[in-house]
Amino acid sequence: MIGDGKVIDTSHKALTPPDGSRELLHRVASTSSFQKSKRLRDLLLYLGERSLHDPACILREQEIGVDVLGRPSDYDTSHDTLVRVQVSQLRKKLQEYFSLEGRDEGLIIEIPKGSYVPVFRPRSESLPETLPAHPPSAPPLKEKPSYRLLLLGMAMGLATMGLAWWLSAPGSAPQVAGRPNVSAFWRQLFGNGPIYAVLSDVTLIEFEKLIGRPVPLSEYETHEFDRLAELYIASPVERALAREFINRVTTSVSDVQATRDFGVLAAGLRLPLNLLSARDLSSSLISSQNTILLGSWRANPWVGLFENQMSFQTDYQETPPSVRFVNRSPLVGEQPAYEAEWRRYGYCRVAYLPNPRHTGNVLLITGTDVISTEAGASFVTTEDSIRQLRQKLGLRPGAPVPHFEVLLKTQVLNNSIPWFELVTLRSKQ
C-alpha cells in the first residue's frame, strides 16, 4: 500500500465521476507527454477506465502488475516494486499536466496517495485530506539503509527544513545588501517565476555500472530501470539487487550544501525556490520553467539536453576512468581539453542559458566531481566572482548579464575547496 490509509466518505454520491470525465481521460492520454511513454499511457487508461466503471473499486498492486505491466500472475510484490514506482510517476505526471499544459481544464484527474484509483473532479473542488483505506497487497519493504544513506537523508531533510524556515519565519530573510551584483544576477535569472533546483541522482551512476551501459534520458525520464535490469543483468540475484538499489534515490552532500546556499539567497531576494531530484524532473517542466541543474550528465541526465550548446563538452573515459571538458573551439592561450586529476584538481562548467521554450532560464553547474560542482555553486553566489564575471564580459554598471559559459578550475584538498579560479568563458550573445 502507498500512503497513510486514512478513510474518507466512499459513498456513490461522493465518488460519481462528473460529466465529461471519460473524454478528459482520453484527451490527457493523447497528449505529447503521455505519448512519449507507452507504459504510463496504458497505466493511465487502465486505472481511469476502471475508476469510471466503478469509482468505489479496490485496485490491488498485483492485479495492476499482471494486467498492465506484464508481470506473471504469481509475481512477488514485496520484491518487485514496479507498480508503486509507475503509479508514483503517473501521479506526478498528472499533477504537472494540470498545472501547465492542462491548466485551463475544468475537470482534473488525481490519484490520491494511499490509492491506485484515479479521482475525477472539478478543478474548483478540493480533494478531501483523508484517503481510502485499501488493505495492503504486500507488506512494506524492510530496507536497511547504510549509515551514509541515513546521513544523506538527514542532510536533505535539514536543508529543506532550513529553506522552509527562511521563507516563512517573519523578519528572518538574510541580508543581501552586501552582494549587489549577485542579487541583480539572480533577479535577472529567476525573477519571472518559481525556481526548481534539480539535485543529481548519484544512484544512477552505480546502476549504470551494474547494467554496463549509460541510461539515456528517454529511458531515465520514464523510469525504465526494471526493463533495463531484465535486459542486461543475467543473474536473478544480481538483478533483484539492482532493482532494489535503483529505487533508493540519493544525491550528494555537496548538492545539498549548494541548495542550502541557494535557499538562503533566494529567501533574501523573495524568490520561490523548490528542491527536486533529477528523478522527478520532466521534459515539460524543464522546457518551460526556471531550473538549476546540479551535477554531471552521468548523475543528472537532464544536463545532456544542453551539451550540444556547450563550448566545453563533457567527455568520459571508462578505462581507465577519467573525465574532462573538451574545448570545441580553442582560443589563443586555451587548452584543447581540460582533464581533472583525481584528488588534486578538477573543473566545473557554469552556464546560463534560456530554457528550450525561452520562457525562463537554466543555470547549469556541472563539475568533474562533486567538490567541483560545489565550487560552481559558490561561484554564482559570491559577490567577488560575479563582479569578476561582469568585468571579463565588459559590462557597464547596471547592464544585464548575457547568456554565458564559464570554466572554473578547482583545487581539491581533503574534500574541501581552498580556492577556485575562472579559467575561461564564452558569451552566448
Protein backbone atom coordinates (compact mmCIF):
# COMPACT_ATOMS: atom_id res chain seq x y z
CA MET A 1 0.00 0.00 0.00
CA ILE A 2 1.16 3.58 -0.60
CA GLY A 3 0.03 6.38 1.70
CA ASP A 4 -1.26 6.54 5.25
CA GLY A 5 -4.50 4.59 4.95
CA LYS A 6 -6.91 7.21 6.32
CA VAL A 7 -10.60 7.00 5.48
CA ILE A 8 -12.98 9.22 3.52
CA ASP A 9 -16.61 9.02 2.53
CA THR A 10 -16.79 6.37 -0.19
CA SER A 11 -20.49 6.71 -0.92
CA HIS A 12 -21.65 6.52 -4.53
CA LYS A 13 -22.67 10.20 -4.46
CA ALA A 14 -19.23 11.29 -3.30
CA LEU A 15 -17.42 9.25 -5.96
CA THR A 16 -19.61 9.56 -9.07
CA PRO A 17 -17.39 10.99 -11.85
CA PRO A 18 -18.57 14.32 -13.34
CA ASP A 19 -19.83 14.53 -16.93
CA GLY A 20 -17.01 14.65 -19.44
CA SER A 21 -14.63 12.53 -17.34
CA ARG A 22 -14.08 9.83 -19.97
CA GLU A 23 -13.43 12.44 -22.68
CA LEU A 24 -10.92 14.12 -20.37
CA LEU A 25 -9.17 10.80 -19.68
CA HIS A 26 -8.60 10.07 -23.37
CA ARG A 27 -7.69 13.69 -24.11
CA VAL A 28 -4.95 13.61 -21.47
CA ALA A 29 -3.70 10.18 -22.61
CA SER A 30 -3.30 11.52 -26.16
CA THR A 31 -1.09 14.48 -25.19
CA SER A 32 2.57 14.52 -26.19
CA SER A 33 3.83 13.96 -22.63
CA PHE A 34 1.96 10.65 -22.39
CA GLN A 35 2.62 9.64 -25.99
CA LYS A 36 6.32 9.53 -25.11
CA SER A 37 5.71 6.79 -22.53
CA LYS A 38 3.51 3.91 -23.64
CA ARG A 39 3.73 2.35 -20.19
CA LEU A 40 2.40 5.43 -18.37
CA ARG A 41 -0.28 5.99 -21.03
CA ASP A 42 -1.50 2.40 -20.76
CA LEU A 43 -1.46 2.65 -16.97
CA LEU A 44 -3.47 5.89 -17.04
CA LEU A 45 -6.11 4.44 -19.37
CA TYR A 46 -6.38 1.20 -17.38
CA LEU A 47 -6.75 2.90 -13.99
CA GLY A 48 -9.00 5.61 -15.41
CA GLU A 49 -11.41 3.21 -17.11
CA ARG A 50 -11.60 1.03 -14.01
CA SER A 51 -12.41 4.10 -11.92
CA LEU A 52 -15.07 5.33 -14.37
CA HIS A 53 -16.69 1.89 -14.45
CA ASP A 54 -16.70 1.53 -10.65
CA PRO A 55 -15.45 4.57 -8.65
CA ALA A 56 -15.63 2.52 -5.43
CA CYS A 57 -13.48 -0.31 -6.76
CA ILE A 58 -10.37 -1.54 -5.00
CA LEU A 59 -7.37 -1.95 -7.27
CA ARG A 60 -4.57 -4.11 -5.95
CA GLU A 61 -0.91 -3.84 -6.78
CA GLN A 62 -0.57 -7.39 -8.10
CA GLU A 63 -3.64 -7.02 -10.31
CA ILE A 64 -2.18 -3.91 -11.95
CA GLY A 65 1.20 -5.55 -12.37
CA VAL A 66 -0.33 -8.51 -14.20
CA ASP A 67 -2.92 -6.64 -16.31
CA VAL A 68 -0.81 -3.64 -17.38
CA LEU A 69 2.87 -4.26 -16.75
CA GLY A 70 3.15 -7.84 -17.96
CA ARG A 71 4.10 -9.44 -14.66
CA PRO A 72 3.34 -13.16 -14.13
CA SER A 73 0.25 -13.92 -12.08
CA ASP A 74 2.31 -15.22 -9.15
CA TYR A 75 4.93 -12.47 -9.00
CA ASP A 76 6.05 -11.23 -5.58
CA THR A 77 5.09 -7.58 -4.97
CA SER A 78 7.30 -7.45 -1.89
CA HIS A 79 10.37 -7.67 -4.15
CA ASP A 80 9.07 -6.17 -7.39
CA THR A 81 8.10 -2.52 -6.78
CA LEU A 82 7.38 -1.58 -10.39
CA VAL A 83 3.68 -0.83 -9.83
CA ARG A 84 4.41 1.53 -6.93
CA VAL A 85 7.12 3.30 -8.91
CA GLN A 86 4.98 3.68 -12.03
CA VAL A 87 1.88 4.90 -10.16
CA SER A 88 4.04 7.42 -8.32
CA GLN A 89 5.35 8.69 -11.67
CA LEU A 90 1.83 8.80 -13.12
CA ARG A 91 0.62 10.79 -10.11
CA LYS A 92 3.38 13.36 -10.64
CA LYS A 93 2.81 13.47 -14.39
CA LEU A 94 -0.88 14.24 -13.88
CA GLN A 95 -0.11 16.97 -11.34
CA GLU A 96 2.33 18.50 -13.78
CA TYR A 97 -0.06 18.29 -16.72
CA PHE A 98 -2.92 20.04 -14.92
CA SER A 99 -0.62 22.79 -13.60
CA LEU A 100 0.96 23.50 -17.01
CA GLU A 101 -0.45 22.23 -20.31
CA GLY A 102 -3.87 21.41 -18.85
CA ARG A 103 -4.20 24.44 -16.59
CA ASP A 104 -7.40 25.53 -18.40
CA GLU A 105 -9.18 22.18 -17.99
CA GLY A 106 -12.37 22.48 -15.95
CA LEU A 107 -12.03 18.91 -14.67
CA ILE A 108 -8.85 17.34 -13.33
CA ILE A 109 -7.67 13.78 -12.65
CA GLU A 110 -5.83 12.94 -9.44
CA ILE A 111 -4.54 9.72 -7.90
CA PRO A 112 -4.68 10.22 -4.11
CA LYS A 113 -1.77 8.88 -2.12
CA GLY A 114 -2.98 5.70 -0.49
CA SER A 115 -4.98 4.56 -3.52
CA TYR A 116 -4.49 3.34 -7.06
CA VAL A 117 -7.95 4.59 -8.13
CA PRO A 118 -7.99 7.93 -10.00
CA VAL A 119 -10.46 10.62 -8.93
CA PHE A 120 -12.18 12.88 -11.46
CA ARG A 121 -13.32 16.19 -10.02
CA PRO A 122 -14.00 19.83 -10.95
CA ARG A 123 -10.90 21.95 -10.53
CA SER A 124 -12.77 24.24 -8.12
CA GLU A 125 -13.39 21.39 -5.67
CA SER A 126 -10.60 20.33 -3.34
CA LEU A 127 -9.81 16.68 -2.74
CA PRO A 128 -10.55 15.52 0.81
CA GLU A 129 -7.49 15.41 3.02
CA THR A 130 -8.04 11.83 4.13
CA LEU A 131 -7.73 8.88 1.83
CA PRO A 132 -9.32 5.49 1.13
CA ALA A 133 -8.15 2.66 3.33
CA HIS A 134 -7.34 -0.22 0.97
CA PRO A 135 -5.71 -3.25 2.51
CA PRO A 136 -2.07 -3.60 1.53
CA SER A 137 -1.42 -6.22 -1.14
CA ALA A 138 2.04 -6.90 0.27
CA PRO A 139 3.96 -5.96 3.41
CA PRO A 140 6.15 -2.88 3.06
CA LEU A 141 9.75 -3.47 2.10
CA LYS A 142 12.10 -3.51 5.04
CA GLU A 143 15.25 -1.80 3.94
CA LYS A 144 18.42 -1.40 5.91
CA PRO A 145 19.85 1.91 4.73
CA SER A 146 23.57 2.39 5.07
CA TYR A 147 24.96 4.88 7.56
CA ARG A 148 25.98 7.12 4.69
CA LEU A 149 22.48 6.95 3.20
CA LEU A 150 20.99 7.81 6.58
CA LEU A 151 23.24 10.85 6.93
CA LEU A 152 22.34 11.95 3.43
CA GLY A 153 18.64 11.69 4.17
CA MET A 154 19.13 13.74 7.32
CA ALA A 155 21.07 16.33 5.35
CA MET A 156 18.30 16.58 2.76
CA GLY A 157 15.71 16.97 5.48
CA LEU A 158 17.71 19.64 7.28
CA ALA A 159 18.31 21.52 4.05
CA THR A 160 14.60 21.51 3.24
CA MET A 161 13.58 22.50 6.76
CA GLY A 162 16.14 25.26 6.77
CA LEU A 163 14.81 26.61 3.48
CA ALA A 164 11.23 26.49 4.73
CA TRP A 165 12.26 28.33 7.91
CA TRP A 166 13.94 31.13 5.99
CA LEU A 167 10.95 31.54 3.72
CA SER A 168 8.32 31.51 6.43
CA ALA A 169 9.78 33.00 9.61
CA PRO A 170 8.80 36.69 9.94
CA GLY A 171 11.73 39.06 9.62
CA SER A 172 14.14 36.14 9.08
CA ALA A 173 15.24 36.80 5.48
CA PRO A 174 19.03 37.10 5.31
CA GLN A 175 20.65 40.37 4.31
CA VAL A 176 21.81 40.52 0.67
CA ALA A 177 22.74 44.19 0.65
CA GLY A 178 26.44 43.29 0.64
CA ARG A 179 26.05 41.34 -2.61
CA PRO A 180 24.52 43.77 -5.13
CA ASN A 181 25.97 42.03 -8.20
CA VAL A 182 24.82 38.60 -7.01
CA SER A 183 21.36 39.97 -6.19
CA ALA A 184 20.99 41.61 -9.61
CA PHE A 185 22.21 38.47 -11.36
CA TRP A 186 19.76 36.17 -9.56
CA ARG A 187 16.83 38.56 -10.08
CA GLN A 188 17.68 38.62 -13.78
CA LEU A 189 17.86 34.81 -13.93
CA PHE A 190 14.85 33.89 -11.86
CA GLY A 191 12.74 36.98 -11.24
CA ASN A 192 9.95 35.85 -13.57
CA GLY A 193 8.68 32.81 -11.64
CA PRO A 194 9.46 29.80 -9.46
CA ILE A 195 12.91 28.17 -9.46
CA TYR A 196 13.46 24.41 -9.46
CA ALA A 197 16.86 23.38 -8.09
CA VAL A 198 17.44 19.88 -9.50
CA LEU A 199 19.78 17.70 -7.44
CA SER A 200 21.89 14.97 -9.01
CA ASP A 201 20.91 11.29 -8.87
CA VAL A 202 24.13 9.58 -7.76
CA THR A 203 22.39 6.19 -7.57
CA LEU A 204 22.12 6.25 -11.34
CA ILE A 205 25.91 6.07 -11.80
CA GLU A 206 26.16 2.82 -9.86
CA PHE A 207 23.13 1.36 -11.64
CA GLU A 208 24.78 2.09 -14.99
CA LYS A 209 27.85 0.19 -13.82
CA LEU A 210 25.64 -2.78 -12.94
CA ILE A 211 23.96 -2.91 -16.37
CA GLY A 212 27.14 -2.00 -18.25
CA ARG A 213 25.73 0.92 -20.26
CA PRO A 214 24.54 4.52 -19.82
CA VAL A 215 20.83 5.18 -19.33
CA PRO A 216 19.69 7.72 -21.97
CA LEU A 217 17.35 10.50 -20.96
CA SER A 218 14.40 8.93 -22.82
CA GLU A 219 14.63 5.83 -20.60
CA TYR A 220 15.58 7.77 -17.48
CA GLU A 221 12.53 10.06 -17.63
CA THR A 222 10.13 7.12 -17.93
CA HIS A 223 11.97 5.11 -15.25
CA GLU A 224 12.74 2.09 -17.42
CA PHE A 225 15.10 0.70 -14.77
CA ASP A 226 13.25 -2.55 -14.28
CA ARG A 227 13.26 -3.32 -18.00
CA LEU A 228 16.97 -2.42 -18.28
CA ALA A 229 17.82 -4.74 -15.41
CA GLU A 230 15.90 -7.54 -17.15
CA LEU A 231 17.77 -6.92 -20.40
CA TYR A 232 21.32 -6.51 -19.16
CA ILE A 233 21.68 -8.46 -15.91
CA ALA A 234 21.57 -12.23 -16.36
CA SER A 235 21.75 -13.30 -12.71
CA PRO A 236 18.34 -13.18 -10.96
CA VAL A 237 20.04 -12.38 -7.66
CA GLU A 238 22.08 -9.51 -9.09
CA ARG A 239 19.03 -8.29 -10.98
CA ALA A 240 16.97 -8.16 -7.79
CA LEU A 241 19.75 -6.27 -6.03
CA ALA A 242 19.97 -3.77 -8.90
CA ARG A 243 16.22 -3.15 -8.76
CA GLU A 244 16.31 -2.60 -5.03
CA PHE A 245 19.34 -0.34 -5.35
CA ILE A 246 17.97 1.92 -8.09
CA ASN A 247 14.77 2.54 -6.11
CA ARG A 248 16.84 4.28 -3.42
CA VAL A 249 17.19 7.78 -4.85
CA THR A 250 20.17 9.59 -3.31
CA THR A 251 22.10 12.76 -4.03
CA SER A 252 25.47 14.14 -2.96
CA VAL A 253 26.07 16.08 0.23
CA SER A 254 27.71 18.79 -1.93
CA ASP A 255 24.42 19.25 -3.81
CA VAL A 256 22.59 19.58 -0.52
CA GLN A 257 25.06 22.20 0.67
CA ALA A 258 24.73 24.08 -2.61
CA THR A 259 20.93 24.15 -2.43
CA ARG A 260 21.18 25.34 1.17
CA ASP A 261 23.15 28.37 -0.06
CA PHE A 262 20.69 28.88 -2.91
CA GLY A 263 17.81 28.76 -0.43
CA VAL A 264 19.35 31.40 1.80
CA LEU A 265 19.96 33.69 -1.17
CA ALA A 266 16.53 33.09 -2.72
CA ALA A 267 14.84 33.78 0.60
CA GLY A 268 16.65 37.11 0.91
CA LEU A 269 15.51 38.06 -2.58
CA ARG A 270 11.97 36.69 -2.08
CA LEU A 271 12.39 34.26 -4.95
CA PRO A 272 10.41 30.99 -4.62
CA LEU A 273 12.83 28.05 -4.69
CA ASN A 274 11.78 24.40 -4.93
CA LEU A 275 14.05 21.37 -4.44
CA LEU A 276 13.66 18.48 -6.85
CA SER A 277 15.52 15.25 -7.55
CA ALA A 278 16.62 14.68 -11.14
CA ARG A 279 14.50 11.51 -10.95
CA ASP A 280 11.34 13.63 -10.54
CA LEU A 281 12.01 16.21 -13.26
CA SER A 282 10.15 16.06 -16.58
CA SER A 283 10.58 17.34 -20.12
CA SER A 284 7.67 19.75 -19.91
CA LEU A 285 8.88 21.29 -16.64
CA ILE A 286 12.49 21.84 -17.73
CA SER A 287 11.26 23.20 -21.07
CA SER A 288 9.04 25.87 -19.57
CA GLN A 289 10.27 26.71 -16.03
CA ASN A 290 13.37 28.21 -14.37
CA THR A 291 15.76 25.43 -13.35
CA ILE A 292 19.17 24.96 -11.77
CA LEU A 293 20.78 21.69 -12.86
CA LEU A 294 23.44 20.34 -10.49
CA GLY A 295 25.96 17.62 -11.31
CA SER A 296 27.32 15.91 -14.40
CA TRP A 297 25.09 14.34 -17.04
CA ARG A 298 26.08 10.91 -15.68
CA ALA A 299 24.31 11.77 -12.41
CA ASN A 300 21.83 14.24 -13.89
CA PRO A 301 20.86 13.17 -17.44
CA TRP A 302 18.91 16.40 -17.96
CA VAL A 303 22.25 18.16 -18.42
CA GLY A 304 22.55 16.23 -21.68
CA LEU A 305 19.77 18.34 -23.20
CA PHE A 306 22.21 21.25 -23.36
CA GLU A 307 25.53 19.51 -24.14
CA ASN A 308 25.37 20.37 -27.86
CA GLN A 309 25.14 24.08 -26.97
CA MET A 310 28.30 23.97 -24.87
CA SER A 311 31.73 25.22 -25.92
CA PHE A 312 33.20 22.90 -23.28
CA GLN A 313 31.67 19.46 -23.67
CA THR A 314 31.86 16.65 -21.14
CA ASP A 315 33.93 13.64 -22.17
CA TYR A 316 34.08 10.45 -20.08
CA GLN A 317 36.52 7.59 -20.47
CA GLU A 318 35.61 4.33 -18.80
CA THR A 319 39.01 2.55 -18.81
CA PRO A 320 40.94 3.94 -17.07
CA PRO A 321 38.19 6.13 -15.58
CA SER A 322 38.65 9.82 -16.33
CA VAL A 323 36.59 12.90 -17.13
CA ARG A 324 37.45 16.09 -18.97
CA PHE A 325 35.91 19.08 -20.72
CA VAL A 326 36.77 19.17 -24.43
CA ASN A 327 37.24 22.68 -25.84
CA ARG A 328 35.38 22.65 -29.15
CA SER A 329 36.95 25.88 -30.47
CA PRO A 330 40.10 26.77 -28.50
CA LEU A 331 41.01 30.45 -28.41
CA VAL A 332 44.56 31.77 -28.15
CA GLY A 333 46.14 30.52 -24.92
CA GLU A 334 43.45 27.91 -24.24
CA GLN A 335 43.91 24.17 -24.00
CA PRO A 336 42.12 21.74 -26.34
CA ALA A 337 40.86 19.85 -23.28
CA TYR A 338 40.76 20.28 -19.50
CA GLU A 339 41.16 16.97 -17.70
CA ALA A 340 40.61 16.51 -13.96
CA GLU A 341 43.25 14.83 -11.81
CA TRP A 342 41.67 12.76 -9.07
CA ARG A 343 42.04 14.26 -5.58
CA ARG A 344 44.23 17.10 -6.85
CA TYR A 345 42.21 19.43 -9.02
CA GLY A 346 39.04 19.44 -11.07
CA TYR A 347 36.94 21.62 -13.32
CA CYS A 348 33.41 22.98 -13.23
CA ARG A 349 31.36 24.32 -16.12
CA VAL A 350 28.83 27.01 -15.22
CA ALA A 351 26.41 28.03 -17.97
CA TYR A 352 23.49 30.47 -18.09
CA LEU A 353 21.08 29.66 -20.95
CA PRO A 354 17.41 30.11 -21.90
CA ASN A 355 15.16 27.12 -21.36
CA PRO A 356 14.04 25.27 -24.52
CA ARG A 357 10.80 27.28 -24.84
CA HIS A 358 12.50 30.59 -23.97
CA THR A 359 10.01 31.16 -21.16
CA GLY A 360 12.62 31.09 -18.39
CA ASN A 361 16.27 30.37 -17.71
CA VAL A 362 18.52 27.43 -16.94
CA LEU A 363 21.64 27.57 -14.78
CA LEU A 364 23.90 24.53 -15.29
CA ILE A 365 26.57 23.75 -12.70
CA THR A 366 28.49 20.69 -13.87
CA GLY A 367 31.68 19.55 -12.11
CA THR A 368 34.13 16.77 -12.89
CA ASP A 369 33.50 15.70 -9.27
CA VAL A 370 31.09 16.66 -6.52
CA ILE A 371 33.55 19.08 -4.90
CA SER A 372 34.00 20.95 -8.17
CA THR A 373 30.21 21.20 -8.56
CA GLU A 374 30.14 22.79 -5.11
CA ALA A 375 32.74 25.30 -6.34
CA GLY A 376 30.41 26.24 -9.20
CA ALA A 377 27.58 26.82 -6.74
CA SER A 378 29.88 29.07 -4.73
CA PHE A 379 30.80 30.98 -7.89
CA VAL A 380 27.20 32.03 -8.63
CA THR A 381 26.54 33.13 -5.03
CA THR A 382 29.80 35.02 -4.32
CA GLU A 383 30.00 38.77 -4.90
CA ASP A 384 33.65 38.82 -5.98
CA SER A 385 33.02 36.06 -8.53
CA ILE A 386 30.05 37.78 -10.17
CA ARG A 387 31.94 41.09 -10.15
CA GLN A 388 34.85 39.37 -11.92
CA LEU A 389 32.44 37.79 -14.40
CA ARG A 390 30.94 41.17 -15.26
CA GLN A 391 34.40 42.69 -15.73
CA LYS A 392 35.52 39.92 -18.09
CA LEU A 393 32.30 40.28 -20.07
CA GLY A 394 32.95 44.05 -20.33
CA LEU A 395 29.57 45.01 -18.86
CA ARG A 396 28.69 48.56 -17.85
CA PRO A 397 27.20 49.13 -14.37
CA GLY A 398 23.56 48.06 -14.38
CA ALA A 399 23.81 46.22 -17.72
CA PRO A 400 22.20 42.75 -17.77
CA VAL A 401 24.42 39.68 -17.88
CA PRO A 402 24.24 37.92 -21.27
CA HIS A 403 23.97 34.16 -21.59
CA PHE A 404 27.41 32.74 -20.91
CA GLU A 405 29.51 29.67 -20.24
CA VAL A 406 32.36 29.68 -17.71
CA LEU A 407 35.01 27.09 -16.96
CA LEU A 408 36.41 27.05 -13.41
CA LYS A 409 39.45 25.20 -12.11
CA THR A 410 39.22 23.91 -8.56
CA GLN A 411 41.90 22.67 -6.21
CA VAL A 412 40.74 19.77 -4.07
CA LEU A 413 42.44 19.08 -0.73
CA ASN A 414 40.90 16.91 1.99
CA ASN A 415 37.48 17.21 0.36
CA SER A 416 37.46 20.98 0.73
CA ILE A 417 37.82 23.83 -1.75
CA PRO A 418 40.72 26.13 -0.80
CA TRP A 419 40.21 28.11 -3.99
CA PHE A 420 38.80 28.12 -7.49
CA GLU A 421 39.68 30.31 -10.44
CA LEU A 422 37.98 31.35 -13.64
CA VAL A 423 39.93 29.72 -16.48
CA THR A 424 37.99 30.95 -19.48
CA LEU A 425 34.50 31.97 -20.59
CA ARG A 426 32.26 32.39 -23.60
CA SER A 427 29.50 34.93 -24.10
CA LYS A 428 26.44 33.38 -25.76
CA GLN A 429 25.15 36.66 -27.24
